[in-house]
Amino acid sequence: MIALQILKIIGIILLIILGIVLFLLLVILFVPIHYNADADYTDTDNKYNVHAKANWILHIIRFNYDRNNDSDDMAAKVLWIKVYPSAKDEAGVLGERKEPVSERFEKIKYKITSLYVKIKRIIYMINDERDQRAVQELLLRLKKLLWHIRPRKLNANLDLGLGNPASTGEIVGIIYSFYPVYTDHLHLNPDFDQKVIKGDAFLKGHVQLIFVLIALARVYFDKDIRRLYRQLQKINEE
Protein backbone atom coordinates (compact mmCIF):
# COMPACT_ATOMS: atom_id res chain seq x y z
CA MET A 1 0.00 0.00 0.00
CA ILE A 2 2.81 2.41 0.88
CA ALA A 3 4.49 1.68 -2.46
CA LEU A 4 1.24 2.37 -4.33
CA GLN A 5 0.76 5.64 -2.47
CA ILE A 6 4.33 6.67 -3.31
CA LEU A 7 3.78 5.81 -7.00
CA LYS A 8 0.51 7.75 -6.92
CA ILE A 9 2.23 10.81 -5.46
CA ILE A 10 5.04 10.53 -8.03
CA GLY A 11 2.45 10.25 -10.81
CA ILE A 12 0.62 13.35 -9.57
CA ILE A 13 3.90 15.30 -9.36
CA LEU A 14 4.84 14.23 -12.91
CA LEU A 15 1.42 15.28 -14.20
CA ILE A 16 1.76 18.67 -12.50
CA ILE A 17 5.24 19.14 -14.02
CA LEU A 18 3.93 18.05 -17.42
CA GLY A 19 1.03 20.50 -17.12
CA ILE A 20 3.37 23.35 -16.20
CA VAL A 21 5.69 22.53 -19.12
CA LEU A 22 2.74 22.37 -21.51
CA PHE A 23 1.37 25.67 -20.21
CA LEU A 24 4.75 27.38 -20.61
CA LEU A 25 5.10 25.96 -24.10
CA LEU A 26 1.68 27.31 -25.11
CA VAL A 27 2.56 30.70 -23.63
CA ILE A 28 5.86 30.84 -25.55
CA LEU A 29 4.25 29.82 -28.82
CA PHE A 30 1.02 31.81 -28.75
CA VAL A 31 1.53 34.92 -26.60
CA PRO A 32 2.56 37.63 -29.08
CA ILE A 33 5.69 39.73 -28.86
CA HIS A 34 4.56 43.35 -29.18
CA TYR A 35 6.89 45.89 -30.74
CA ASN A 36 6.84 49.53 -31.75
CA ALA A 37 9.35 52.06 -32.98
CA ASP A 38 9.61 55.67 -34.07
CA ALA A 39 12.37 57.64 -35.74
CA ASP A 40 13.07 61.04 -37.23
CA TYR A 41 15.92 62.61 -39.17
CA THR A 42 16.77 65.94 -40.70
CA ASP A 43 19.85 66.71 -42.79
CA THR A 44 19.86 70.44 -42.04
CA ASP A 45 21.52 69.81 -38.68
CA ASN A 46 22.30 66.10 -39.31
CA LYS A 47 20.31 65.03 -36.27
CA TYR A 48 18.41 61.80 -35.83
CA ASN A 49 16.52 59.96 -33.10
CA VAL A 50 15.53 56.31 -33.01
CA HIS A 51 13.39 54.69 -30.31
CA ALA A 52 12.34 51.04 -30.35
CA LYS A 53 10.88 48.75 -27.74
CA ALA A 54 9.34 45.30 -27.45
CA ASN A 55 7.64 43.39 -24.65
CA TRP A 56 6.55 39.82 -24.16
CA ILE A 57 4.35 37.94 -21.70
CA LEU A 58 2.67 40.80 -19.84
CA HIS A 59 5.83 42.94 -19.96
CA ILE A 60 7.80 40.34 -18.03
CA ILE A 61 10.42 40.44 -20.79
CA ARG A 62 11.22 43.91 -22.14
CA PHE A 63 13.61 45.32 -24.70
CA ASN A 64 14.45 48.98 -25.29
CA TYR A 65 16.67 50.68 -27.82
CA ASP A 66 17.41 54.40 -28.04
CA ARG A 67 19.88 56.11 -30.33
CA ASN A 68 20.66 59.65 -31.39
CA ASN A 69 23.68 61.70 -32.39
CA ASP A 70 25.06 61.71 -28.88
CA SER A 71 24.15 58.36 -27.34
CA ASP A 72 23.37 54.72 -28.07
CA ASP A 73 21.56 52.69 -25.45
CA MET A 74 20.15 49.16 -25.61
CA ALA A 75 18.81 47.09 -22.73
CA ALA A 76 16.88 43.89 -22.13
CA LYS A 77 15.17 43.08 -18.83
CA VAL A 78 13.37 40.14 -17.29
CA LEU A 79 11.07 41.59 -14.64
CA TRP A 80 13.33 44.19 -12.97
CA ILE A 81 16.61 42.38 -13.71
CA LYS A 82 18.77 43.70 -16.54
CA VAL A 83 20.11 40.77 -18.57
CA TYR A 84 21.71 42.90 -21.29
CA PRO A 85 24.08 44.62 -21.40
CA SER A 86 26.42 43.48 -18.69
CA ALA A 87 29.03 45.86 -17.28
CA LYS A 88 31.58 44.41 -19.70
CA ASP A 89 29.24 44.91 -22.66
CA GLU A 90 28.56 48.50 -21.67
CA ALA A 91 32.28 49.24 -21.62
CA GLY A 92 32.71 47.71 -25.04
CA VAL A 93 30.21 49.93 -26.87
CA LEU A 94 32.08 53.15 -26.17
CA GLY A 95 33.93 54.83 -28.98
CA GLU A 96 31.74 53.59 -31.83
CA ARG A 97 32.68 55.25 -35.12
CA LYS A 98 29.99 57.44 -36.61
CA GLU A 99 29.36 57.27 -40.32
CA PRO A 100 27.90 59.99 -42.57
CA VAL A 101 24.41 59.29 -43.91
CA SER A 102 25.60 59.75 -47.51
CA GLU A 103 28.09 56.90 -47.04
CA ARG A 104 25.34 54.70 -45.65
CA PHE A 105 23.20 55.30 -48.73
CA GLU A 106 26.13 54.43 -50.99
CA LYS A 107 26.76 51.19 -49.10
CA ILE A 108 23.06 50.30 -49.15
CA LYS A 109 22.90 50.98 -52.89
CA TYR A 110 26.01 48.85 -53.49
CA LYS A 111 24.63 45.95 -51.45
CA ILE A 112 21.27 46.10 -53.24
CA THR A 113 23.01 46.13 -56.63
CA SER A 114 25.22 43.17 -55.68
CA LEU A 115 22.23 41.25 -54.39
CA TYR A 116 20.30 42.00 -57.59
CA VAL A 117 23.17 40.61 -59.72
CA LYS A 118 23.37 37.44 -57.62
CA ILE A 119 19.61 36.91 -57.79
CA LYS A 120 19.64 37.29 -61.59
CA ARG A 121 22.41 34.69 -61.82
CA ILE A 122 20.56 32.26 -59.57
CA ILE A 123 17.30 32.69 -61.50
CA TYR A 124 19.16 32.10 -64.77
CA MET A 125 20.66 28.87 -63.44
CA ILE A 126 17.42 27.49 -62.04
CA ASN A 127 15.86 25.45 -64.85
CA ASP A 128 14.95 22.23 -63.08
CA GLU A 129 11.26 21.80 -62.17
CA ARG A 130 12.16 20.77 -58.63
CA ASP A 131 14.23 23.92 -58.21
CA GLN A 132 11.41 26.05 -59.55
CA ARG A 133 8.95 24.40 -57.18
CA ALA A 134 11.39 24.94 -54.30
CA VAL A 135 11.71 28.64 -55.13
CA GLN A 136 7.94 29.05 -55.33
CA GLU A 137 7.48 27.30 -51.99
CA LEU A 138 10.25 29.36 -50.39
CA LEU A 139 8.77 32.62 -51.66
CA LEU A 140 5.34 31.57 -50.43
CA ARG A 141 6.66 30.82 -46.93
CA LEU A 142 8.61 34.08 -46.89
CA LYS A 143 5.59 36.05 -48.03
CA LYS A 144 3.39 34.54 -45.31
CA LEU A 145 6.05 35.14 -42.66
CA LEU A 146 6.56 38.77 -43.70
CA TRP A 147 2.81 39.26 -43.74
CA HIS A 148 2.60 38.00 -40.17
CA ILE A 149 5.46 40.09 -38.74
CA ARG A 150 4.54 43.22 -40.72
CA PRO A 151 3.69 46.37 -38.75
CA ARG A 152 -0.05 46.59 -38.20
CA LYS A 153 0.32 50.34 -37.94
CA LEU A 154 2.72 52.38 -40.03
CA ASN A 155 2.99 56.07 -40.72
CA ALA A 156 5.99 57.53 -42.51
CA ASN A 157 6.88 60.81 -44.17
CA LEU A 158 10.01 61.21 -46.29
CA ASP A 159 11.47 64.10 -48.24
CA LEU A 160 14.24 62.60 -50.36
CA GLY A 161 16.76 64.09 -52.73
CA LEU A 162 20.37 62.99 -53.21
CA GLY A 163 21.45 65.95 -55.32
CA ASN A 164 21.69 63.69 -58.36
CA PRO A 165 18.57 62.83 -60.40
CA ALA A 166 19.89 59.36 -61.33
CA SER A 167 20.78 58.36 -57.76
CA THR A 168 17.52 59.80 -56.47
CA GLY A 169 15.60 57.88 -59.12
CA GLU A 170 17.29 54.60 -58.15
CA ILE A 171 16.45 54.93 -54.45
CA VAL A 172 12.92 56.16 -55.16
CA GLY A 173 12.39 53.20 -57.51
CA ILE A 174 13.42 50.76 -54.78
CA ILE A 175 11.06 52.41 -52.30
CA TYR A 176 8.18 52.43 -54.78
CA SER A 177 8.68 48.72 -55.47
CA PHE A 178 7.31 48.10 -51.94
CA TYR A 179 4.86 50.99 -52.09
CA PRO A 180 1.71 48.94 -52.88
CA VAL A 181 2.02 47.27 -49.48
CA TYR A 182 1.83 50.56 -47.58
CA THR A 183 0.12 52.90 -50.05
CA ASP A 184 -1.94 54.59 -47.35
CA HIS A 185 0.89 54.83 -44.83
CA LEU A 186 4.00 56.01 -46.68
CA HIS A 187 4.14 59.58 -47.93
CA LEU A 188 7.17 60.08 -50.19
CA ASN A 189 8.17 63.46 -51.59
CA PRO A 190 11.09 63.02 -54.03
CA ASP A 191 13.27 66.03 -54.87
CA PHE A 192 15.28 65.54 -58.06
CA ASP A 193 16.97 68.95 -57.90
CA GLN A 194 18.17 69.49 -54.34
CA LYS A 195 19.93 67.36 -51.77
CA VAL A 196 17.55 66.76 -48.90
CA ILE A 197 16.88 63.88 -46.55
CA LYS A 198 14.20 64.51 -43.96
CA GLY A 199 11.61 62.23 -42.50
CA ASP A 200 9.85 60.60 -39.60
CA ALA A 201 8.20 57.24 -39.08
CA PHE A 202 6.18 55.27 -36.56
CA LEU A 203 5.36 51.57 -36.63
CA LYS A 204 3.68 49.08 -34.36
CA GLY A 205 3.01 45.35 -34.60
CA HIS A 206 3.32 41.94 -33.00
CA VAL A 207 4.79 38.50 -33.69
CA GLN A 208 3.67 35.05 -32.54
CA LEU A 209 6.48 32.50 -32.44
CA ILE A 210 4.19 29.66 -33.52
CA PHE A 211 3.91 31.14 -37.01
CA VAL A 212 7.66 31.69 -37.25
CA LEU A 213 8.38 28.11 -36.20
CA ILE A 214 5.82 26.71 -38.63
CA ALA A 215 7.38 28.66 -41.50
CA LEU A 216 10.90 27.54 -40.57
CA ALA A 217 9.80 23.92 -40.18
CA ARG A 218 8.05 23.91 -43.56
CA VAL A 219 11.21 25.24 -45.18
CA TYR A 220 13.61 22.95 -43.30
CA PHE A 221 11.74 19.72 -43.99
CA ASP A 222 11.10 20.46 -47.66
CA LYS A 223 13.45 18.17 -49.62
CA ASP A 224 13.44 20.34 -52.74
CA ILE A 225 14.34 23.46 -50.78
CA ARG A 226 17.19 21.63 -49.04
CA ARG A 227 18.42 20.40 -52.42
CA LEU A 228 18.28 23.95 -53.78
CA TYR A 229 20.16 25.22 -50.74
CA ARG A 230 23.03 22.81 -51.39
CA GLN A 231 23.19 23.99 -55.01
CA LEU A 232 23.31 27.63 -53.91
CA GLN A 233 26.13 26.81 -51.51
CA LYS A 234 28.13 25.45 -54.45
CA ILE A 235 27.45 28.63 -56.45
CA ASN A 236 28.58 30.77 -53.51
CA GLU A 237 31.80 28.75 -53.18
CA GLU A 238 32.75 29.16 -56.84
C-alpha atoms as a PDB file:
ATOM      1  CA  MET A   1       0.000   0.000   0.000  1.00  0.00           C
ATOM      2  CA  ILE A   2       2.811   2.409   0.876  1.00  0.00           C
ATOM      3  CA  ALA A   3       4.494   1.679  -2.461  1.00  0.00           C
ATOM      4  CA  LEU A   4       1.241   2.367  -4.332  1.00  0.00           C
ATOM      5  CA  GLN A   5       0.762   5.642  -2.472  1.00  0.00           C
ATOM      6  CA  ILE A   6       4.331   6.667  -3.314  1.00  0.00           C
ATOM      7  CA  LEU A   7       3.775   5.806  -6.995  1.00  0.00           C
ATOM      8  CA  LYS A   8       0.510   7.748  -6.923  1.00  0.00           C
ATOM      9  CA  ILE A   9       2.234  10.814  -5.456  1.00  0.00           C
ATOM     10  CA  ILE A  10       5.041  10.530  -8.030  1.00  0.00           C
ATOM     11  CA  GLY A  11       2.452  10.251 -10.810  1.00  0.00           C
ATOM     12  CA  ILE A  12       0.620  13.353  -9.571  1.00  0.00           C
ATOM     13  CA  ILE A  13       3.897  15.295  -9.364  1.00  0.00           C
ATOM     14  CA  LEU A  14       4.838  14.233 -12.906  1.00  0.00           C
ATOM     15  CA  LEU A  15       1.419  15.282 -14.198  1.00  0.00           C
ATOM     16  CA  ILE A  16       1.760  18.672 -12.499  1.00  0.00           C
ATOM     17  CA  ILE A  17       5.242  19.136 -14.022  1.00  0.00           C
ATOM     18  CA  LEU A  18       3.934  18.049 -17.425  1.00  0.00           C
ATOM     19  CA  GLY A  19       1.032  20.499 -17.118  1.00  0.00           C
ATOM     20  CA  ILE A  20       3.371  23.349 -16.202  1.00  0.00           C
ATOM     21  CA  VAL A  21       5.690  22.534 -19.118  1.00  0.00           C
ATOM     22  CA  LEU A  22       2.743  22.366 -21.514  1.00  0.00           C
ATOM     23  CA  PHE A  23       1.371  25.665 -20.210  1.00  0.00           C
ATOM     24  CA  LEU A  24       4.747  27.382 -20.607  1.00  0.00           C
ATOM     25  CA  LEU A  25       5.105  25.959 -24.098  1.00  0.00           C
ATOM     26  CA  LEU A  26       1.685  27.310 -25.105  1.00  0.00           C
ATOM     27  CA  VAL A  27       2.558  30.698 -23.627  1.00  0.00           C
ATOM     28  CA  ILE A  28       5.858  30.835 -25.546  1.00  0.00           C
ATOM     29  CA  LEU A  29       4.245  29.822 -28.821  1.00  0.00           C
ATOM     30  CA  PHE A  30       1.017  31.809 -28.752  1.00  0.00           C
ATOM     31  CA  VAL A  31       1.534  34.917 -26.597  1.00  0.00           C
ATOM     32  CA  PRO A  32       2.559  37.627 -29.084  1.00  0.00           C
ATOM     33  CA  ILE A  33       5.694  39.727 -28.864  1.00  0.00           C
ATOM     34  CA  HIS A  34       4.559  43.355 -29.182  1.00  0.00           C
ATOM     35  CA  TYR A  35       6.894  45.893 -30.737  1.00  0.00           C
ATOM     36  CA  ASN A  36       6.841  49.533 -31.753  1.00  0.00           C
ATOM     37  CA  ALA A  37       9.354  52.062 -32.978  1.00  0.00           C
ATOM     38  CA  ASP A  38       9.606  55.668 -34.071  1.00  0.00           C
ATOM     39  CA  ALA A  39      12.374  57.637 -35.737  1.00  0.00           C
ATOM     40  CA  ASP A  40      13.066  61.043 -37.232  1.00  0.00           C
ATOM     41  CA  TYR A  41      15.919  62.613 -39.169  1.00  0.00           C
ATOM     42  CA  THR A  42      16.769  65.942 -40.704  1.00  0.00           C
ATOM     43  CA  ASP A  43      19.847  66.706 -42.787  1.00  0.00           C
ATOM     44  CA  THR A  44      19.858  70.444 -42.038  1.00  0.00           C
ATOM     45  CA  ASP A  45      21.520  69.805 -38.684  1.00  0.00           C
ATOM     46  CA  ASN A  46      22.297  66.096 -39.306  1.00  0.00           C
ATOM     47  CA  LYS A  47      20.309  65.032 -36.269  1.00  0.00           C
ATOM     48  CA  TYR A  48      18.409  61.800 -35.829  1.00  0.00           C
ATOM     49  CA  ASN A  49      16.523  59.962 -33.095  1.00  0.00           C
ATOM     50  CA  VAL A  50      15.534  56.312 -33.006  1.00  0.00           C
ATOM     51  CA  HIS A  51      13.393  54.685 -30.313  1.00  0.00           C
ATOM     52  CA  ALA A  52      12.336  51.035 -30.351  1.00  0.00           C
ATOM     53  CA  LYS A  53      10.882  48.745 -27.740  1.00  0.00           C
ATOM     54  CA  ALA A  54       9.342  45.304 -27.450  1.00  0.00           C
ATOM     55  CA  ASN A  55       7.641  43.387 -24.654  1.00  0.00           C
ATOM     56  CA  TRP A  56       6.547  39.819 -24.156  1.00  0.00           C
ATOM     57  CA  ILE A  57       4.349  37.938 -21.700  1.00  0.00           C
ATOM     58  CA  LEU A  58       2.673  40.799 -19.838  1.00  0.00           C
ATOM     59  CA  HIS A  59       5.832  42.939 -19.962  1.00  0.00           C
ATOM     60  CA  ILE A  60       7.801  40.340 -18.030  1.00  0.00           C
ATOM     61  CA  ILE A  61      10.424  40.442 -20.785  1.00  0.00           C
ATOM     62  CA  ARG A  62      11.220  43.913 -22.139  1.00  0.00           C
ATOM     63  CA  PHE A  63      13.610  45.323 -24.700  1.00  0.00           C
ATOM     64  CA  ASN A  64      14.449  48.976 -25.289  1.00  0.00           C
ATOM     65  CA  TYR A  65      16.672  50.683 -27.816  1.00  0.00           C
ATOM     66  CA  ASP A  66      17.413  54.398 -28.037  1.00  0.00           C
ATOM     67  CA  ARG A  67      19.882  56.106 -30.333  1.00  0.00           C
ATOM     68  CA  ASN A  68      20.656  59.650 -31.393  1.00  0.00           C
ATOM     69  CA  ASN A  69      23.678  61.695 -32.394  1.00  0.00           C
ATOM     70  CA  ASP A  70      25.062  61.706 -28.883  1.00  0.00           C
ATOM     71  CA  SER A  71      24.151  58.355 -27.341  1.00  0.00           C
ATOM     72  CA  ASP A  72      23.372  54.723 -28.066  1.00  0.00           C
ATOM     73  CA  ASP A  73      21.564  52.689 -25.447  1.00  0.00           C
ATOM     74  CA  MET A  74      20.146  49.158 -25.607  1.00  0.00           C
ATOM     75  CA  ALA A  75      18.810  47.085 -22.732  1.00  0.00           C
ATOM     76  CA  ALA A  76      16.878  43.888 -22.127  1.00  0.00           C
ATOM     77  CA  LYS A  77      15.174  43.079 -18.830  1.00  0.00           C
ATOM     78  CA  VAL A  78      13.372  40.136 -17.289  1.00  0.00           C
ATOM     79  CA  LEU A  79      11.066  41.586 -14.639  1.00  0.00           C
ATOM     80  CA  TRP A  80      13.328  44.189 -12.974  1.00  0.00           C
ATOM     81  CA  ILE A  81      16.611  42.375 -13.709  1.00  0.00           C
ATOM     82  CA  LYS A  82      18.771  43.703 -16.535  1.00  0.00           C
ATOM     83  CA  VAL A  83      20.106  40.766 -18.571  1.00  0.00           C
ATOM     84  CA  TYR A  84      21.715  42.896 -21.287  1.00  0.00           C
ATOM     85  CA  PRO A  85      24.078  44.618 -21.404  1.00  0.00           C
ATOM     86  CA  SER A  86      26.421  43.478 -18.687  1.00  0.00           C
ATOM     87  CA  ALA A  87      29.028  45.858 -17.282  1.00  0.00           C
ATOM     88  CA  LYS A  88      31.584  44.414 -19.704  1.00  0.00           C
ATOM     89  CA  ASP A  89      29.237  44.908 -22.659  1.00  0.00           C
ATOM     90  CA  GLU A  90      28.556  48.502 -21.665  1.00  0.00           C
ATOM     91  CA  ALA A  91      32.285  49.238 -21.617  1.00  0.00           C
ATOM     92  CA  GLY A  92      32.708  47.713 -25.045  1.00  0.00           C
ATOM     93  CA  VAL A  93      30.211  49.926 -26.871  1.00  0.00           C
ATOM     94  CA  LEU A  94      32.083  53.155 -26.166  1.00  0.00           C
ATOM     95  CA  GLY A  95      33.926  54.833 -28.977  1.00  0.00           C
ATOM     96  CA  GLU A  96      31.738  53.588 -31.825  1.00  0.00           C
ATOM     97  CA  ARG A  97      32.676  55.246 -35.119  1.00  0.00           C
ATOM     98  CA  LYS A  98      29.988  57.443 -36.614  1.00  0.00           C
ATOM     99  CA  GLU A  99      29.357  57.272 -40.322  1.00  0.00           C
ATOM    100  CA  PRO A 100      27.896  59.995 -42.572  1.00  0.00           C
ATOM    101  CA  VAL A 101      24.414  59.289 -43.909  1.00  0.00           C
ATOM    102  CA  SER A 102      25.604  59.749 -47.510  1.00  0.00           C
ATOM    103  CA  GLU A 103      28.094  56.896 -47.045  1.00  0.00           C
ATOM    104  CA  ARG A 104      25.340  54.699 -45.649  1.00  0.00           C
ATOM    105  CA  PHE A 105      23.198  55.300 -48.726  1.00  0.00           C
ATOM    106  CA  GLU A 106      26.129  54.435 -50.990  1.00  0.00           C
ATOM    107  CA  LYS A 107      26.760  51.195 -49.097  1.00  0.00           C
ATOM    108  CA  ILE A 108      23.062  50.295 -49.151  1.00  0.00           C
ATOM    109  CA  LYS A 109      22.900  50.981 -52.889  1.00  0.00           C
ATOM    110  CA  TYR A 110      26.009  48.850 -53.493  1.00  0.00           C
ATOM    111  CA  LYS A 111      24.626  45.952 -51.454  1.00  0.00           C
ATOM    112  CA  ILE A 112      21.272  46.096 -53.239  1.00  0.00           C
ATOM    113  CA  THR A 113      23.008  46.134 -56.631  1.00  0.00           C
ATOM    114  CA  SER A 114      25.216  43.169 -55.685  1.00  0.00           C
ATOM    115  CA  LEU A 115      22.231  41.246 -54.394  1.00  0.00           C
ATOM    116  CA  TYR A 116      20.302  42.004 -57.595  1.00  0.00           C
ATOM    117  CA  VAL A 117      23.170  40.613 -59.725  1.00  0.00           C
ATOM    118  CA  LYS A 118      23.369  37.439 -57.625  1.00  0.00           C
ATOM    119  CA  ILE A 119      19.606  36.911 -57.787  1.00  0.00           C
ATOM    120  CA  LYS A 120      19.644  37.290 -61.587  1.00  0.00           C
ATOM    121  CA  ARG A 121      22.414  34.694 -61.816  1.00  0.00           C
ATOM    122  CA  ILE A 122      20.565  32.257 -59.569  1.00  0.00           C
ATOM    123  CA  ILE A 123      17.297  32.686 -61.496  1.00  0.00           C
ATOM    124  CA  TYR A 124      19.155  32.102 -64.765  1.00  0.00           C
ATOM    125  CA  MET A 125      20.663  28.870 -63.435  1.00  0.00           C
ATOM    126  CA  ILE A 126      17.416  27.486 -62.036  1.00  0.00           C
ATOM    127  CA  ASN A 127      15.863  25.453 -64.851  1.00  0.00           C
ATOM    128  CA  ASP A 128      14.947  22.226 -63.076  1.00  0.00           C
ATOM    129  CA  GLU A 129      11.260  21.798 -62.174  1.00  0.00           C
ATOM    130  CA  ARG A 130      12.160  20.766 -58.634  1.00  0.00           C
ATOM    131  CA  ASP A 131      14.232  23.916 -58.214  1.00  0.00           C
ATOM    132  CA  GLN A 132      11.407  26.054 -59.552  1.00  0.00           C
ATOM    133  CA  ARG A 133       8.946  24.404 -57.183  1.00  0.00           C
ATOM    134  CA  ALA A 134      11.386  24.940 -54.295  1.00  0.00           C
ATOM    135  CA  VAL A 135      11.714  28.639 -55.131  1.00  0.00           C
ATOM    136  CA  GLN A 136       7.942  29.048 -55.335  1.00  0.00           C
ATOM    137  CA  GLU A 137       7.481  27.297 -51.991  1.00  0.00           C
ATOM    138  CA  LEU A 138      10.247  29.355 -50.389  1.00  0.00           C
ATOM    139  CA  LEU A 139       8.773  32.616 -51.656  1.00  0.00           C
ATOM    140  CA  LEU A 140       5.336  31.570 -50.428  1.00  0.00           C
ATOM    141  CA  ARG A 141       6.658  30.818 -46.932  1.00  0.00           C
ATOM    142  CA  LEU A 142       8.614  34.085 -46.886  1.00  0.00           C
ATOM    143  CA  LYS A 143       5.585  36.051 -48.028  1.00  0.00           C
ATOM    144  CA  LYS A 144       3.391  34.543 -45.313  1.00  0.00           C
ATOM    145  CA  LEU A 145       6.052  35.141 -42.660  1.00  0.00           C
ATOM    146  CA  LEU A 146       6.561  38.766 -43.696  1.00  0.00           C
ATOM    147  CA  TRP A 147       2.812  39.263 -43.740  1.00  0.00           C
ATOM    148  CA  HIS A 148       2.599  37.998 -40.165  1.00  0.00           C
ATOM    149  CA  ILE A 149       5.458  40.086 -38.743  1.00  0.00           C
ATOM    150  CA  ARG A 150       4.544  43.219 -40.722  1.00  0.00           C
ATOM    151  CA  PRO A 151       3.692  46.367 -38.749  1.00  0.00           C
ATOM    152  CA  ARG A 152      -0.049  46.589 -38.199  1.00  0.00           C
ATOM    153  CA  LYS A 153       0.319  50.340 -37.942  1.00  0.00           C
ATOM    154  CA  LEU A 154       2.723  52.384 -40.034  1.00  0.00           C
ATOM    155  CA  ASN A 155       2.987  56.074 -40.720  1.00  0.00           C
ATOM    156  CA  ALA A 156       5.985  57.529 -42.510  1.00  0.00           C
ATOM    157  CA  ASN A 157       6.883  60.811 -44.175  1.00  0.00           C
ATOM    158  CA  LEU A 158      10.010  61.209 -46.288  1.00  0.00           C
ATOM    159  CA  ASP A 159      11.471  64.097 -48.241  1.00  0.00           C
ATOM    160  CA  LEU A 160      14.240  62.595 -50.358  1.00  0.00           C
ATOM    161  CA  GLY A 161      16.755  64.088 -52.734  1.00  0.00           C
ATOM    162  CA  LEU A 162      20.368  62.994 -53.208  1.00  0.00           C
ATOM    163  CA  GLY A 163      21.455  65.954 -55.325  1.00  0.00           C
ATOM    164  CA  ASN A 164      21.686  63.694 -58.361  1.00  0.00           C
ATOM    165  CA  PRO A 165      18.571  62.831 -60.398  1.00  0.00           C
ATOM    166  CA  ALA A 166      19.894  59.360 -61.326  1.00  0.00           C
ATOM    167  CA  SER A 167      20.779  58.361 -57.764  1.00  0.00           C
ATOM    168  CA  THR A 168      17.521  59.800 -56.466  1.00  0.00           C
ATOM    169  CA  GLY A 169      15.599  57.881 -59.118  1.00  0.00           C
ATOM    170  CA  GLU A 170      17.286  54.597 -58.146  1.00  0.00           C
ATOM    171  CA  ILE A 171      16.446  54.926 -54.450  1.00  0.00           C
ATOM    172  CA  VAL A 172      12.916  56.158 -55.162  1.00  0.00           C
ATOM    173  CA  GLY A 173      12.393  53.202 -57.507  1.00  0.00           C
ATOM    174  CA  ILE A 174      13.420  50.762 -54.778  1.00  0.00           C
ATOM    175  CA  ILE A 175      11.059  52.413 -52.304  1.00  0.00           C
ATOM    176  CA  TYR A 176       8.176  52.435 -54.781  1.00  0.00           C
ATOM    177  CA  SER A 177       8.678  48.716 -55.471  1.00  0.00           C
ATOM    178  CA  PHE A 178       7.309  48.104 -51.939  1.00  0.00           C
ATOM    179  CA  TYR A 179       4.861  50.987 -52.094  1.00  0.00           C
ATOM    180  CA  PRO A 180       1.706  48.935 -52.880  1.00  0.00           C
ATOM    181  CA  VAL A 181       2.016  47.272 -49.476  1.00  0.00           C
ATOM    182  CA  TYR A 182       1.828  50.562 -47.582  1.00  0.00           C
ATOM    183  CA  THR A 183       0.124  52.897 -50.047  1.00  0.00           C
ATOM    184  CA  ASP A 184      -1.941  54.588 -47.346  1.00  0.00           C
ATOM    185  CA  HIS A 185       0.891  54.828 -44.828  1.00  0.00           C
ATOM    186  CA  LEU A 186       4.001  56.009 -46.678  1.00  0.00           C
ATOM    187  CA  HIS A 187       4.141  59.584 -47.934  1.00  0.00           C
ATOM    188  CA  LEU A 188       7.165  60.076 -50.186  1.00  0.00           C
ATOM    189  CA  ASN A 189       8.170  63.460 -51.589  1.00  0.00           C
ATOM    190  CA  PRO A 190      11.094  63.022 -54.034  1.00  0.00           C
ATOM    191  CA  ASP A 191      13.267  66.029 -54.865  1.00  0.00           C
ATOM    192  CA  PHE A 192      15.280  65.539 -58.060  1.00  0.00           C
ATOM    193  CA  ASP A 193      16.974  68.948 -57.901  1.00  0.00           C
ATOM    194  CA  GLN A 194      18.165  69.488 -54.342  1.00  0.00           C
ATOM    195  CA  LYS A 195      19.934  67.364 -51.767  1.00  0.00           C
ATOM    196  CA  VAL A 196      17.554  66.763 -48.902  1.00  0.00           C
ATOM    197  CA  ILE A 197      16.882  63.884 -46.546  1.00  0.00           C
ATOM    198  CA  LYS A 198      14.202  64.507 -43.958  1.00  0.00           C
ATOM    199  CA  GLY A 199      11.610  62.227 -42.496  1.00  0.00           C
ATOM    200  CA  ASP A 200       9.854  60.600 -39.601  1.00  0.00           C
ATOM    201  CA  ALA A 201       8.203  57.237 -39.079  1.00  0.00           C
ATOM    202  CA  PHE A 202       6.182  55.267 -36.564  1.00  0.00           C
ATOM    203  CA  LEU A 203       5.358  51.570 -36.633  1.00  0.00           C
ATOM    204  CA  LYS A 204       3.681  49.075 -34.364  1.00  0.00           C
ATOM    205  CA  GLY A 205       3.013  45.352 -34.597  1.00  0.00           C
ATOM    206  CA  HIS A 206       3.319  41.940 -33.002  1.00  0.00           C
ATOM    207  CA  VAL A 207       4.787  38.503 -33.694  1.00  0.00           C
ATOM    208  CA  GLN A 208       3.667  35.052 -32.541  1.00  0.00           C
ATOM    209  CA  LEU A 209       6.478  32.502 -32.440  1.00  0.00           C
ATOM    210  CA  ILE A 210       4.194  29.664 -33.515  1.00  0.00           C
ATOM    211  CA  PHE A 211       3.905  31.139 -37.012  1.00  0.00           C
ATOM    212  CA  VAL A 212       7.663  31.693 -37.245  1.00  0.00           C
ATOM    213  CA  LEU A 213       8.381  28.109 -36.195  1.00  0.00           C
ATOM    214  CA  ILE A 214       5.817  26.706 -38.633  1.00  0.00           C
ATOM    215  CA  ALA A 215       7.376  28.657 -41.504  1.00  0.00           C
ATOM    216  CA  LEU A 216      10.898  27.538 -40.568  1.00  0.00           C
ATOM    217  CA  ALA A 217       9.797  23.925 -40.178  1.00  0.00           C
ATOM    218  CA  ARG A 218       8.048  23.905 -43.565  1.00  0.00           C
ATOM    219  CA  VAL A 219      11.213  25.238 -45.178  1.00  0.00           C
ATOM    220  CA  TYR A 220      13.613  22.953 -43.301  1.00  0.00           C
ATOM    221  CA  PHE A 221      11.739  19.720 -43.986  1.00  0.00           C
ATOM    222  CA  ASP A 222      11.105  20.460 -47.658  1.00  0.00           C
ATOM    223  CA  LYS A 223      13.447  18.168 -49.623  1.00  0.00           C
ATOM    224  CA  ASP A 224      13.442  20.337 -52.737  1.00  0.00           C
ATOM    225  CA  ILE A 225      14.343  23.457 -50.775  1.00  0.00           C
ATOM    226  CA  ARG A 226      17.188  21.632 -49.036  1.00  0.00           C
ATOM    227  CA  ARG A 227      18.422  20.400 -52.420  1.00  0.00           C
ATOM    228  CA  LEU A 228      18.282  23.954 -53.778  1.00  0.00           C
ATOM    229  CA  TYR A 229      20.165  25.224 -50.739  1.00  0.00           C
ATOM    230  CA  ARG A 230      23.030  22.806 -51.392  1.00  0.00           C
ATOM    231  CA  GLN A 231      23.192  23.995 -55.006  1.00  0.00           C
ATOM    232  CA  LEU A 232      23.305  27.634 -53.906  1.00  0.00           C
ATOM    233  CA  GLN A 233      26.126  26.811 -51.513  1.00  0.00           C
ATOM    234  CA  LYS A 234      28.126  25.450 -54.447  1.00  0.00           C
ATOM    235  CA  ILE A 235      27.446  28.634 -56.446  1.00  0.00           C
ATOM    236  CA  ASN A 236      28.578  30.766 -53.508  1.00  0.00           C
ATOM    237  CA  GLU A 237      31.798  28.751 -53.181  1.00  0.00           C
ATOM    238  CA  GLU A 238      32.754  29.164 -56.839  1.00  0.00           C
END
